[in-house]
Amino acid sequence: MSYDRRARIEQMRNADRARDRRNRILTVSLSAVVVAGLVAFGSYMILDKSDSDGSDSSMTADGKGGTPSAGEKDENLATGPIEGEKSWDAKKLTRNHVTDAVDYPMKPPVGGDHDPVWMNCDGEVYKKPIPDMNAVHALEHGSVWVTYTGDAPAADVAKLADRVAKTPYSLMSPYKDQAGAIMLTAWGKQVTVDGADDPRVARFFAHYVQGPQTPEPGAACTGGRDGE
């Protein structure tokens, strides 16, 4: 009888120890679940507040998205009219390849017959004037041409050169006889701007770098003529 009693007591002790182990495991597991839930909830609240107070770094105050770096095209800017922009009827801008000099009616020219070789326009910043006839061929390929006179402030010229250098299908050069100090030209489109920070600069690039006015979209802007 004494043996059975001792065995019974040992069985009860083993059962107690097993129950204690199960309880500890359950406690640890429940604690882990609770901690994970709190972390997830905290993360959600932080993200929710970020969304609600407009702190998303990709958004600007007007909710239209962050300003793209030069070379990137902002579709929000590529809509609507550009104040002061001049347009020419694309059907009247001839596109023949010629070698004889062309007398363009506007300066800088916005289109018309042109040299068979385009001016390189893969973000090219020319320090000297370039031939009109080669530049017009670059416009035909969908480039934007930035031109300036000696009246343009050096700081504006530097900012515009930086934008052009980072933008495929654009080129820049001095231009002596144009009406404004800084002008932007695309095929059949032209605008005079007040400076490098004029918002029309970004709008013009967004509209017309490989824009809908382009007679030959996707045509090469390299392998043509370089500045001298």
Protein backbone atom coordinates (compact mmCIF):
# COMPACT_ATOMS: atom_id res chain seq x y z
CA MET A 1 0.00 0.00 0.00
CA SER A 2 2.84 2.37 0.89
CA TYR A 3 4.42 1.72 -2.52
CA ASP A 4 1.18 2.50 -4.35
CA ARG A 5 0.77 5.67 -2.32
CA ARG A 6 4.27 6.88 -3.19
CA ALA A 7 3.72 6.10 -6.87
CA ARG A 8 0.42 7.97 -6.81
CA ILE A 9 2.10 11.01 -5.24
CA GLU A 10 4.87 10.94 -7.88
CA GLN A 11 2.28 10.77 -10.68
CA MET A 12 0.50 13.79 -9.23
CA ARG A 13 3.77 15.73 -9.03
CA ASN A 14 4.59 14.90 -12.65
CA ALA A 15 1.14 16.04 -13.70
CA ASP A 16 1.62 19.32 -11.81
CA ARG A 17 4.98 19.92 -13.45
CA ALA A 18 3.55 19.22 -16.91
CA ARG A 19 0.65 21.60 -16.24
CA ASP A 20 3.09 24.30 -15.10
CA ARG A 21 5.11 23.90 -18.30
CA ARG A 22 1.97 24.18 -20.42
CA ASN A 23 0.92 27.30 -18.57
CA ARG A 24 4.30 28.94 -19.05
CA ILE A 25 4.31 28.16 -22.77
CA LEU A 26 0.77 29.51 -23.12
CA THR A 27 1.69 32.67 -21.22
CA VAL A 28 4.76 33.31 -23.40
CA SER A 29 2.77 32.69 -26.58
CA LEU A 30 -0.04 35.03 -25.55
CA SER A 31 2.50 37.72 -24.63
CA ALA A 32 4.14 37.47 -28.05
CA VAL A 33 0.77 37.80 -29.77
CA VAL A 34 -0.13 40.85 -27.70
CA VAL A 35 3.24 42.54 -28.39
CA ALA A 36 2.95 41.86 -32.13
CA GLY A 37 -0.55 43.30 -32.14
CA LEU A 38 0.58 46.45 -30.36
CA VAL A 39 3.46 46.94 -32.80
CA ALA A 40 1.17 46.49 -35.81
CA PHE A 41 -1.40 48.88 -34.37
CA GLY A 42 1.25 51.49 -33.63
CA SER A 43 2.60 51.25 -37.18
CA TYR A 44 -0.89 51.63 -38.60
CA MET A 45 -1.55 54.73 -36.51
CA ILE A 46 1.70 56.34 -37.63
CA LEU A 47 0.98 55.66 -41.31
CA ASP A 48 -2.62 56.78 -40.93
CA LYS A 49 -1.55 60.08 -39.40
CA SER A 50 1.03 60.57 -42.13
CA ASP A 51 -1.69 60.15 -44.76
CA SER A 52 -4.19 62.36 -42.99
CA ASP A 53 -1.89 65.32 -42.30
CA GLY A 54 -0.37 65.31 -45.83
CA SER A 55 3.13 64.52 -44.59
CA ASP A 56 3.80 62.08 -47.45
CA SER A 57 7.06 63.35 -48.95
CA SER A 58 5.83 62.63 -52.47
CA MET A 59 3.03 65.18 -52.16
CA THR A 60 3.19 68.95 -52.35
CA ALA A 61 0.88 71.38 -50.60
CA ASP A 62 -1.53 71.38 -53.52
CA GLY A 63 -1.68 67.58 -53.59
CA LYS A 64 -0.37 67.26 -57.13
CA GLY A 65 2.73 65.30 -56.25
CA GLY A 66 6.37 66.21 -55.71
CA THR A 67 8.34 68.26 -58.20
CA PRO A 68 10.06 65.88 -60.60
CA SER A 69 13.77 66.09 -61.11
CA ALA A 70 15.02 67.49 -64.34
CA GLY A 71 14.53 64.98 -67.11
CA GLU A 72 11.39 63.55 -65.65
CA LYS A 73 8.06 64.47 -67.16
CA ASP A 74 5.29 65.69 -64.83
CA GLU A 75 1.93 64.89 -66.43
CA ASN A 76 0.23 67.49 -64.20
CA LEU A 77 2.29 70.21 -65.89
CA ALA A 78 1.67 68.86 -69.38
CA THR A 79 -1.94 70.04 -69.49
CA GLY A 80 -3.59 73.42 -69.94
CA PRO A 81 -2.42 76.52 -71.83
CA ILE A 82 0.90 78.28 -71.34
CA GLU A 83 0.54 82.02 -70.87
CA GLY A 84 2.13 84.04 -73.66
CA GLU A 85 2.82 81.02 -75.85
CA LYS A 86 2.80 81.51 -79.62
CA SER A 87 1.73 78.73 -81.98
CA TRP A 88 2.12 78.16 -85.71
CA ASP A 89 -0.01 75.94 -87.92
CA ALA A 90 1.90 72.66 -88.13
CA LYS A 91 0.44 72.00 -91.60
CA LYS A 92 2.14 75.14 -92.92
CA LEU A 93 5.55 74.27 -91.47
CA THR A 94 7.25 72.46 -94.33
CA ARG A 95 9.66 69.64 -93.54
CA ASN A 96 11.85 69.27 -96.60
CA HIS A 97 15.55 68.46 -96.28
CA VAL A 98 17.49 71.18 -98.08
CA THR A 99 21.08 72.34 -98.34
CA ASP A 100 20.39 75.92 -99.50
CA ALA A 101 19.99 78.56 -96.79
CA VAL A 102 16.46 79.00 -95.41
CA ASP A 103 15.17 82.45 -94.46
CA TYR A 104 12.97 81.72 -91.45
CA PRO A 105 10.27 84.30 -90.66
CA MET A 106 10.73 83.96 -86.89
CA LYS A 107 13.82 83.98 -84.66
CA PRO A 108 14.57 81.45 -83.39
CA PRO A 109 12.76 79.39 -86.03
CA VAL A 110 10.00 77.03 -84.90
CA GLY A 111 9.96 74.77 -87.96
CA GLY A 112 10.16 74.65 -91.72
CA ASP A 113 12.59 73.21 -94.25
CA HIS A 114 15.88 72.27 -92.64
CA ASP A 115 19.29 70.68 -93.00
CA PRO A 116 19.36 66.89 -93.54
CA VAL A 117 21.50 66.57 -90.35
CA TRP A 118 19.94 67.35 -87.00
CA MET A 119 21.70 69.15 -84.18
CA ASN A 120 22.57 66.79 -81.35
CA CYS A 121 19.93 67.36 -78.69
CA ASP A 122 20.55 64.80 -75.98
CA GLY A 123 20.77 67.43 -73.25
CA GLU A 124 23.33 69.46 -75.20
CA VAL A 125 24.41 72.88 -73.87
CA TYR A 126 26.19 74.80 -76.61
CA LYS A 127 28.33 77.77 -75.59
CA LYS A 128 28.26 79.30 -79.08
CA PRO A 129 25.39 79.93 -81.55
CA ILE A 130 24.35 76.92 -83.60
CA PRO A 131 22.97 76.80 -87.17
CA ASP A 132 19.23 77.39 -87.39
CA MET A 133 18.74 74.74 -90.04
CA ASN A 134 20.25 71.96 -87.89
CA ALA A 135 18.40 73.14 -84.78
CA VAL A 136 15.08 73.03 -86.64
CA HIS A 137 15.76 69.40 -87.55
CA ALA A 138 16.24 68.72 -83.81
CA LEU A 139 12.84 70.33 -83.15
CA GLU A 140 11.33 67.98 -85.72
CA HIS A 141 12.58 65.10 -83.55
CA GLY A 142 10.70 66.43 -80.53
CA SER A 143 13.32 68.50 -78.74
CA VAL A 144 12.94 71.76 -76.81
CA TRP A 145 15.45 74.46 -77.70
CA VAL A 146 16.39 77.01 -75.02
CA THR A 147 17.98 80.20 -76.35
CA TYR A 148 19.21 83.35 -74.63
CA THR A 149 20.83 86.70 -75.36
CA GLY A 150 23.55 88.60 -73.55
CA ASP A 151 20.82 90.30 -71.49
CA ALA A 152 19.95 87.05 -69.71
CA PRO A 153 21.30 86.95 -66.12
CA ALA A 154 24.20 84.53 -65.69
CA ALA A 155 22.42 82.76 -62.80
CA ASP A 156 19.39 82.06 -65.01
CA VAL A 157 21.58 80.79 -67.82
CA ALA A 158 23.32 78.42 -65.40
CA LYS A 159 20.01 77.07 -64.02
CA LEU A 160 18.61 76.51 -67.49
CA ALA A 161 21.82 74.81 -68.60
CA ASP A 162 21.51 72.43 -65.64
CA ARG A 163 17.93 71.56 -66.61
CA VAL A 164 18.85 70.99 -70.25
CA ALA A 165 21.88 68.87 -69.37
CA LYS A 166 19.61 66.50 -67.46
CA THR A 167 16.87 66.35 -70.10
CA PRO A 168 17.11 64.14 -73.20
CA TYR A 169 15.60 65.76 -76.28
CA SER A 170 16.61 69.28 -75.31
CA LEU A 171 19.37 71.67 -76.31
CA MET A 172 20.49 75.18 -75.43
CA SER A 173 22.51 77.87 -77.14
CA PRO A 174 22.99 81.65 -77.24
CA TYR A 175 20.95 83.49 -79.87
CA LYS A 176 21.78 87.07 -80.73
CA ASP A 177 18.77 88.38 -82.64
CA GLN A 178 15.80 87.02 -80.70
CA ALA A 179 13.21 89.36 -79.18
CA GLY A 180 13.38 88.15 -75.57
CA ALA A 181 16.33 87.55 -73.26
CA ILE A 182 15.26 83.92 -72.71
CA MET A 183 13.06 81.97 -75.11
CA LEU A 184 11.90 78.36 -75.38
CA THR A 185 11.10 76.80 -78.72
CA ALA A 186 9.55 73.53 -79.90
CA TRP A 187 8.16 72.54 -83.29
CA GLY A 188 5.45 75.16 -83.94
CA LYS A 189 5.61 76.48 -80.35
CA GLN A 190 7.49 79.32 -78.68
CA VAL A 191 7.38 81.36 -75.49
CA THR A 192 9.45 84.13 -73.91
CA VAL A 193 9.99 83.63 -70.16
CA ASP A 194 11.07 85.96 -67.38
CA GLY A 195 13.82 83.73 -66.01
CA ALA A 196 14.87 80.20 -65.09
CA ASP A 197 12.38 80.08 -62.20
CA ASP A 198 9.43 81.15 -64.35
CA PRO A 199 6.88 78.30 -63.94
CA ARG A 200 6.32 78.35 -67.70
CA VAL A 201 9.76 76.79 -68.16
CA ALA A 202 8.72 73.55 -66.44
CA ARG A 203 5.34 73.61 -68.21
CA PHE A 204 6.93 74.10 -71.63
CA PHE A 205 9.31 71.19 -71.08
CA ALA A 206 6.47 68.99 -69.81
CA HIS A 207 4.31 69.87 -72.82
CA TYR A 208 6.81 69.63 -75.62
CA VAL A 209 9.79 67.36 -74.88
CA GLN A 210 8.68 64.53 -77.19
CA GLY A 211 5.25 66.14 -77.01
CA PRO A 212 2.22 65.78 -79.28
CA GLN A 213 3.55 68.49 -81.63
CA THR A 214 6.52 66.27 -82.57
CA PRO A 215 6.49 65.37 -86.29
CA GLU A 216 8.97 62.50 -85.80
CA PRO A 217 8.63 61.20 -82.23
CA GLY A 218 11.42 58.91 -81.12
CA ALA A 219 13.81 59.97 -83.88
CA ALA A 220 17.46 60.20 -82.88
CA CYS A 221 18.91 63.14 -80.96
CA THR A 222 22.46 61.81 -81.12
CA GLY A 223 24.71 61.02 -84.07
CA GLY A 224 23.98 64.38 -85.68
CA ARG A 225 25.92 67.63 -85.72
CA ASP A 226 27.92 68.87 -82.73
CA GLY A 227 28.74 72.46 -81.91
CA GLU A 228 31.94 73.95 -83.23
